[in-house]
Amino acid sequence: MVVSLLIPTMSESLPIQPLAGRQVLVTRSTDASGASRRLFSSVGAQVIDLPALVIGPPDDWGPLDGALQSLQRFHWLIFSSANGVAAVHQRLEHLHMDLDQGQSWLRLAAVGRKTAWAIERQGWPKPFVPPDFVADSLVTCFPEPVHGRQLLLPRVQSGGRPLLAQEFRRHGATVVEVPAYESRCPATMPVAAVQALEQGHVDVITFTSSKIVRNTVALLAAHFGECWPEHLGALKVVSIGPETSRTCWDVLGRVDAEANPHHMEGLVDATSRLFQ
């Protein structure tokens, strides 16, 4: 009797790479880590970076410093971004304060897994994170009634959504919003991104926030003039979540895919599905 052994070929033993050969234009913050590049590269994509957001300090640290110096009055400290976490940590150090000193009653909440990780990296108490990584879910799934509660929301100075503060106030909370950082549009586009768009080599463009969508359009218009939409005509547009998708519809007129769950891995999966 002849025994036949089936030996897998090299191609069969390799991991599936649904974006092999695809050029993905990844819009991001200028100080973002390489996580998005690594995730897209792991499924075969050729990543082109397009920084479309510059994170910097607010015009005035006074409101945030004042809120932190009276932290004992608040029941909840709510973060909507990792940038807010970094800003609060920076100002606590500047004020020679520790979030854990005498604030045993203070509870933390975070919109999204990335923000929660940023909190945990500081060694602060583990935050409440809603099941869907969007602000709407935080309001819907908040773990206690907020009537009569004092909430501190460090947030971007301009351009952020007022949803959290509005909804919590509607339910009877006292909400103090303070600018913790500002996000601005970069002055120029990277040469590699410009060349790829000019040559029509890009297959997909991804967006992770509404402000990044608007800044990207501003950069394209500044470089290509009124004909900027032509350079996105053949590209697939992929959004990280519902609010970003709404902005894509408003300024680009379309969204080809939306991440679900609303995080970077979900963004990669949604992009990959477009080409399967």
Protein backbone atom coordinates (compact mmCIF):
# COMPACT_ATOMS: atom_id res chain seq x y z
CA MET A 1 0.00 0.00 0.00
CA VAL A 2 1.28 3.44 -0.95
CA VAL A 3 0.79 6.14 1.65
CA SER A 4 0.40 9.61 0.21
CA LEU A 5 1.49 12.50 2.38
CA LEU A 6 -0.04 15.89 1.66
CA ILE A 7 2.65 18.48 2.29
CA PRO A 8 1.43 22.09 2.32
CA THR A 9 2.98 24.38 -0.23
CA MET A 10 4.71 27.59 0.77
CA SER A 11 1.72 29.67 -0.32
CA GLU A 12 -0.66 27.48 1.72
CA SER A 13 1.43 27.86 4.88
CA LEU A 14 1.59 31.65 4.70
CA PRO A 15 -0.91 33.78 6.62
CA ILE A 16 -3.80 35.17 4.59
CA GLN A 17 -3.04 38.69 3.37
CA PRO A 18 -6.24 40.16 1.94
CA LEU A 19 -4.59 43.53 1.26
CA ALA A 20 -1.53 42.15 -0.52
CA GLY A 21 -0.49 44.62 -3.18
CA ARG A 22 -3.00 47.25 -2.06
CA GLN A 23 -1.87 50.80 -1.31
CA VAL A 24 -3.58 52.20 1.78
CA LEU A 25 -3.40 55.90 2.60
CA VAL A 26 -3.62 56.04 6.41
CA THR A 27 -4.59 59.45 7.77
CA ARG A 28 -3.56 59.97 11.38
CA SER A 29 -2.21 62.32 14.01
CA THR A 30 1.41 63.41 13.58
CA ASP A 31 2.33 61.92 16.96
CA ALA A 32 0.46 58.64 16.46
CA SER A 33 2.38 55.45 17.07
CA GLY A 34 3.14 52.97 14.31
CA ALA A 35 0.31 50.66 15.41
CA SER A 36 -1.88 51.40 12.41
CA ARG A 37 1.03 50.88 10.01
CA ARG A 38 1.90 47.54 11.63
CA LEU A 39 -1.71 46.32 11.54
CA PHE A 40 -2.19 47.17 7.87
CA SER A 41 1.22 45.82 6.93
CA SER A 42 0.43 42.53 8.67
CA VAL A 43 -2.33 41.86 6.14
CA GLY A 44 -0.15 42.76 3.17
CA ALA A 45 -0.96 46.43 2.62
CA GLN A 46 1.56 48.95 1.40
CA VAL A 47 1.01 51.81 3.85
CA ILE A 48 1.33 55.47 2.93
CA ASP A 49 1.16 57.82 5.91
CA LEU A 50 -0.78 61.06 5.72
CA PRO A 51 -0.48 63.00 9.00
CA ALA A 52 -3.56 65.22 9.16
CA LEU A 53 -3.65 66.28 12.81
CA VAL A 54 -1.11 68.06 15.01
CA ILE A 55 -1.69 67.76 18.76
CA GLY A 56 -0.52 70.62 20.95
CA PRO A 57 -1.37 72.46 24.18
CA PRO A 58 -4.52 74.55 24.59
CA ASP A 59 -4.26 78.31 24.48
CA ASP A 60 -4.52 78.45 28.28
CA TRP A 61 -3.73 75.76 30.86
CA GLY A 62 -5.57 77.71 33.57
CA PRO A 63 -9.01 76.02 33.31
CA LEU A 64 -7.55 72.51 33.39
CA ASP A 65 -5.14 73.33 36.23
CA GLY A 66 -7.95 74.88 38.24
CA ALA A 67 -10.20 71.85 37.75
CA LEU A 68 -7.42 69.46 38.79
CA GLN A 69 -6.65 71.52 41.89
CA SER A 70 -10.29 71.11 42.95
CA LEU A 71 -10.50 67.47 41.92
CA GLN A 72 -12.06 66.48 45.23
CA ARG A 73 -15.39 68.04 44.14
CA PHE A 74 -15.83 65.62 41.21
CA HIS A 75 -17.37 62.15 41.23
CA TRP A 76 -16.21 61.18 37.71
CA LEU A 77 -13.28 62.06 35.46
CA ILE A 78 -14.29 61.21 31.89
CA PHE A 79 -11.83 60.93 29.00
CA SER A 80 -12.84 60.85 25.35
CA SER A 81 -9.30 60.46 23.97
CA ALA A 82 -5.79 59.34 24.84
CA ASN A 83 -4.65 62.92 24.19
CA GLY A 84 -6.79 64.07 27.11
CA VAL A 85 -5.20 61.42 29.32
CA ALA A 86 -1.71 62.57 28.37
CA ALA A 87 -2.59 66.22 29.03
CA VAL A 88 -4.06 65.51 32.47
CA HIS A 89 -1.03 63.41 33.41
CA GLN A 90 1.28 66.22 32.30
CA ARG A 91 -0.57 68.87 34.31
CA LEU A 92 -0.80 66.68 37.43
CA GLU A 93 2.97 66.32 37.33
CA HIS A 94 3.31 70.08 36.81
CA LEU A 95 1.10 70.69 39.85
CA HIS A 96 2.93 68.01 41.90
CA MET A 97 -0.31 66.11 42.27
CA ASP A 98 -1.19 62.42 42.10
CA LEU A 99 -4.57 61.25 40.88
CA ASP A 100 -4.68 58.64 43.65
CA GLN A 101 -3.92 61.02 46.53
CA GLY A 102 -7.08 61.48 48.56
CA GLN A 103 -9.39 60.86 45.61
CA SER A 104 -10.54 57.34 46.48
CA TRP A 105 -14.10 58.28 45.54
CA LEU A 106 -13.16 59.51 42.06
CA ARG A 107 -14.13 57.13 39.28
CA LEU A 108 -12.80 57.17 35.72
CA ALA A 109 -14.52 56.49 32.40
CA ALA A 110 -13.10 56.23 28.90
CA VAL A 111 -14.55 56.29 25.40
CA GLY A 112 -12.74 53.50 23.60
CA ARG A 113 -10.14 50.88 24.27
CA LYS A 114 -7.17 53.04 23.25
CA THR A 115 -8.18 55.69 25.78
CA ALA A 116 -8.64 53.03 28.46
CA TRP A 117 -5.16 51.65 27.76
CA ALA A 118 -3.70 55.16 28.09
CA ILE A 119 -5.35 55.47 31.52
CA GLU A 120 -4.11 52.08 32.70
CA ARG A 121 -0.55 52.85 31.52
CA GLN A 122 -0.52 55.75 33.99
CA GLY A 123 -1.29 53.35 36.82
CA TRP A 124 -4.62 55.04 37.50
CA PRO A 125 -7.76 53.15 38.55
CA LYS A 126 -9.27 50.98 35.83
CA PRO A 127 -11.87 53.02 33.95
CA PHE A 128 -15.39 52.13 32.95
CA VAL A 129 -15.48 51.50 29.18
CA PRO A 130 -18.79 51.22 27.29
CA PRO A 131 -19.40 48.14 25.11
CA ASP A 132 -19.31 50.19 21.89
CA PHE A 133 -16.28 52.42 21.60
CA VAL A 134 -18.21 55.63 20.89
CA ALA A 135 -19.42 58.54 23.03
CA ASP A 136 -23.09 57.68 22.49
CA SER A 137 -22.54 54.28 24.11
CA LEU A 138 -20.93 55.85 27.18
CA VAL A 139 -24.04 57.94 27.79
CA THR A 140 -26.41 55.01 27.20
CA CYS A 141 -24.49 52.48 29.29
CA PHE A 142 -23.18 54.67 32.11
CA PRO A 143 -22.95 52.49 35.25
CA GLU A 144 -24.89 54.77 37.59
CA PRO A 145 -27.49 57.55 37.49
CA VAL A 146 -25.73 60.86 36.96
CA HIS A 147 -28.36 63.12 38.50
CA GLY A 148 -26.58 65.32 41.04
CA ARG A 149 -23.15 64.03 40.07
CA GLN A 150 -20.17 66.28 39.32
CA LEU A 151 -18.37 65.28 36.11
CA LEU A 152 -15.06 66.58 34.78
CA LEU A 153 -14.48 66.28 31.01
CA PRO A 154 -11.00 67.25 29.76
CA ARG A 155 -11.39 67.61 26.01
CA VAL A 156 -10.06 69.11 22.81
CA GLN A 157 -10.18 72.92 22.76
CA SER A 158 -12.10 73.19 19.48
CA GLY A 159 -13.92 70.97 17.05
CA GLY A 160 -15.01 68.21 19.43
CA ARG A 161 -18.54 66.87 19.77
CA PRO A 162 -20.63 68.39 22.58
CA LEU A 163 -22.72 65.21 22.89
CA LEU A 164 -21.30 63.92 26.18
CA ALA A 165 -21.71 67.15 28.09
CA GLN A 166 -25.15 67.85 26.64
CA GLU A 167 -26.54 64.41 27.44
CA PHE A 168 -25.10 64.24 30.96
CA ARG A 169 -26.49 67.69 31.74
CA ARG A 170 -29.86 66.62 30.36
CA HIS A 171 -29.84 63.79 32.91
CA GLY A 172 -29.13 66.16 35.80
CA ALA A 173 -25.33 66.07 36.11
CA THR A 174 -23.12 69.09 36.66
CA VAL A 175 -20.54 68.94 33.87
CA VAL A 176 -17.30 70.92 33.78
CA GLU A 177 -15.61 70.89 30.37
CA VAL A 178 -12.02 72.13 30.21
CA PRO A 179 -9.67 72.39 27.21
CA ALA A 180 -6.85 69.89 27.71
CA TYR A 181 -5.23 70.02 24.26
CA GLU A 182 -5.76 71.44 20.80
CA SER A 183 -5.63 69.67 17.45
CA ARG A 184 -4.61 71.61 14.38
CA CYS A 185 -4.08 70.94 10.69
CA PRO A 186 -0.49 70.36 9.50
CA ALA A 187 0.94 72.89 7.07
CA THR A 188 1.84 70.44 4.28
CA MET A 189 1.34 66.92 2.96
CA PRO A 190 4.19 64.37 2.80
CA VAL A 191 5.79 64.04 -0.63
CA ALA A 192 5.10 60.28 -0.75
CA ALA A 193 1.38 60.83 -0.22
CA VAL A 194 1.23 63.55 -2.88
CA GLN A 195 3.04 61.40 -5.43
CA ALA A 196 0.89 58.35 -4.75
CA LEU A 197 -2.30 60.38 -5.26
CA GLU A 198 -0.96 62.08 -8.38
CA GLN A 199 -0.01 58.75 -9.92
CA GLY A 200 -3.32 57.10 -8.99
CA HIS A 201 -1.61 54.35 -7.00
CA VAL A 202 -3.82 54.54 -3.89
CA ASP A 203 -6.59 51.96 -3.38
CA VAL A 204 -7.98 53.02 0.02
CA ILE A 205 -8.00 56.00 2.35
CA THR A 206 -8.85 55.48 6.03
CA PHE A 207 -10.15 57.97 8.59
CA THR A 208 -10.23 57.76 12.39
CA SER A 209 -11.94 61.04 13.34
CA SER A 210 -14.15 63.75 11.90
CA LYS A 211 -11.46 66.38 12.36
CA ILE A 212 -8.96 64.26 10.43
CA VAL A 213 -11.48 64.02 7.57
CA ARG A 214 -11.86 67.80 7.43
CA ASN A 215 -8.13 68.44 7.77
CA THR A 216 -7.36 65.94 5.02
CA VAL A 217 -9.75 67.76 2.68
CA ALA A 218 -8.09 71.07 3.62
CA LEU A 219 -4.65 69.63 2.82
CA LEU A 220 -5.86 68.21 -0.50
CA ALA A 221 -7.51 71.48 -1.48
CA ALA A 222 -4.39 73.46 -0.56
CA HIS A 223 -2.19 71.21 -2.71
CA PHE A 224 -4.41 70.25 -5.64
CA GLY A 225 -6.80 73.20 -5.73
CA GLU A 226 -10.41 72.82 -6.82
CA CYS A 227 -9.70 69.51 -8.57
CA TRP A 228 -8.83 67.73 -5.28
CA PRO A 229 -11.91 65.42 -5.47
CA GLU A 230 -10.54 63.89 -8.68
CA HIS A 231 -7.63 62.42 -6.74
CA LEU A 232 -10.03 60.52 -4.46
CA GLY A 233 -12.40 59.40 -7.20
CA ALA A 234 -11.21 55.79 -7.49
CA LEU A 235 -10.31 55.30 -3.82
CA LYS A 236 -12.33 53.34 -1.29
CA VAL A 237 -13.20 55.40 1.80
CA VAL A 238 -13.13 53.55 5.14
CA SER A 239 -14.23 55.09 8.45
CA ILE A 240 -13.63 53.99 12.03
CA GLY A 241 -17.11 54.76 13.34
CA PRO A 242 -20.51 56.38 12.85
CA GLU A 243 -19.57 59.99 13.62
CA THR A 244 -16.55 59.84 11.31
CA SER A 245 -18.77 58.24 8.66
CA ARG A 246 -21.27 61.11 8.91
CA THR A 247 -18.47 63.57 8.30
CA CYS A 248 -17.23 61.53 5.33
CA TRP A 249 -20.73 61.70 3.85
CA ASP A 250 -20.87 65.45 4.48
CA VAL A 251 -17.54 66.39 2.90
CA LEU A 252 -16.72 63.45 0.59
CA GLY A 253 -20.19 62.26 -0.32
CA ARG A 254 -19.58 58.60 0.45
CA VAL A 255 -18.31 55.88 2.77
CA ASP A 256 -17.44 52.44 1.38
CA ALA A 257 -16.96 50.66 4.72
CA GLU A 258 -17.17 51.34 8.45
CA ALA A 259 -15.24 49.55 11.18
CA ASN A 260 -17.20 47.43 13.64
CA PRO A 261 -15.98 47.26 16.37
CA HIS A 262 -14.87 50.88 16.15
CA HIS A 263 -11.13 50.49 16.72
CA MET A 264 -7.99 50.03 14.61
CA GLU A 265 -8.33 46.27 14.25
CA GLY A 266 -11.91 46.81 13.12
CA LEU A 267 -10.71 49.41 10.61
CA VAL A 268 -8.23 46.92 9.14
CA ASP A 269 -10.91 44.21 8.97
CA ALA A 270 -13.41 46.53 7.27
CA THR A 271 -10.76 47.53 4.71
CA SER A 272 -9.79 43.91 4.08
CA ARG A 273 -13.39 42.88 3.45
CA LEU A 274 -13.61 45.35 0.58
CA PHE A 275 -11.16 43.22 -1.40
CA GLN A 276 -12.22 39.69 -0.48
